[in-house]
Amino acid sequence: MKNKDKIILSKILTYILEIEEFIKGYSKEKFENDRKTINACVFNLSQISK
C-alpha cells in the first residue's frame, strides 16, 4: 500500500472515530434534536467523501 493511501485511510478512520465520539450515548431522538451534533457529523462525512 502506498504511503498516500495510508494517510487517506488514517484520515477516514479519524473522521469515523470523531462521529462515534459525537454521538456516544445519544438516542435517535436526542440526535435528531441536536443541530450542532448533526452538523458536526455531516461535516465529517463530507470530508470522507472528498
Protein backbone atom coordinates (compact mmCIF):
# COMPACT_ATOMS: atom_id res chain seq x y z
CA MET A 1 0.00 0.00 0.00
CA LYS A 2 1.29 3.43 -0.91
CA ASN A 3 2.03 5.96 1.81
CA LYS A 4 -0.56 8.34 0.34
CA ASP A 5 -3.23 5.63 0.65
CA LYS A 6 -2.26 5.01 4.29
CA ILE A 7 -2.64 8.73 5.04
CA ILE A 8 -6.07 8.84 3.39
CA LEU A 9 -7.26 5.75 5.29
CA SER A 10 -5.93 7.20 8.55
CA LYS A 11 -7.90 10.41 7.99
CA ILE A 12 -11.06 8.45 7.17
CA LEU A 13 -10.67 6.45 10.37
CA THR A 14 -10.21 9.68 12.34
CA TYR A 15 -13.43 11.13 10.91
CA ILE A 16 -15.32 7.94 11.76
CA LEU A 17 -13.98 7.88 15.31
CA GLU A 18 -14.95 11.53 15.78
CA ILE A 19 -18.50 10.80 14.64
CA GLU A 20 -18.68 7.91 17.09
CA GLU A 21 -17.47 10.22 19.85
CA PHE A 22 -20.01 12.91 18.95
CA ILE A 23 -22.98 10.54 19.14
CA LYS A 24 -21.88 8.36 22.05
CA GLY A 25 -24.82 7.91 24.41
CA TYR A 26 -27.29 9.62 22.07
CA SER A 27 -30.68 8.19 21.29
CA LYS A 28 -32.14 8.71 17.84
CA GLU A 29 -34.46 11.37 19.23
CA LYS A 30 -31.68 13.24 21.02
CA PHE A 31 -29.55 13.21 17.86
CA GLU A 32 -32.41 14.43 15.69
CA ASN A 33 -32.90 17.40 18.01
CA ASP A 34 -29.24 18.40 18.30
CA ARG A 35 -28.43 20.53 15.28
CA LYS A 36 -24.81 21.10 16.30
CA THR A 37 -24.11 17.39 16.52
CA ILE A 38 -25.85 16.76 13.22
CA ASN A 39 -23.75 19.45 11.55
CA ALA A 40 -20.53 18.08 13.06
CA CYS A 41 -21.33 14.57 11.83
CA VAL A 42 -22.31 15.78 8.36
CA PHE A 43 -19.08 17.75 8.13
CA ASN A 44 -17.01 14.67 8.97
CA LEU A 45 -18.96 12.57 6.47
CA SER A 46 -18.36 15.19 3.80
CA GLN A 47 -14.62 15.03 4.48
CA ILE A 48 -14.65 11.29 3.92
CA SER A 49 -16.27 11.71 0.50
CA LYS A 50 -13.55 14.03 -0.80
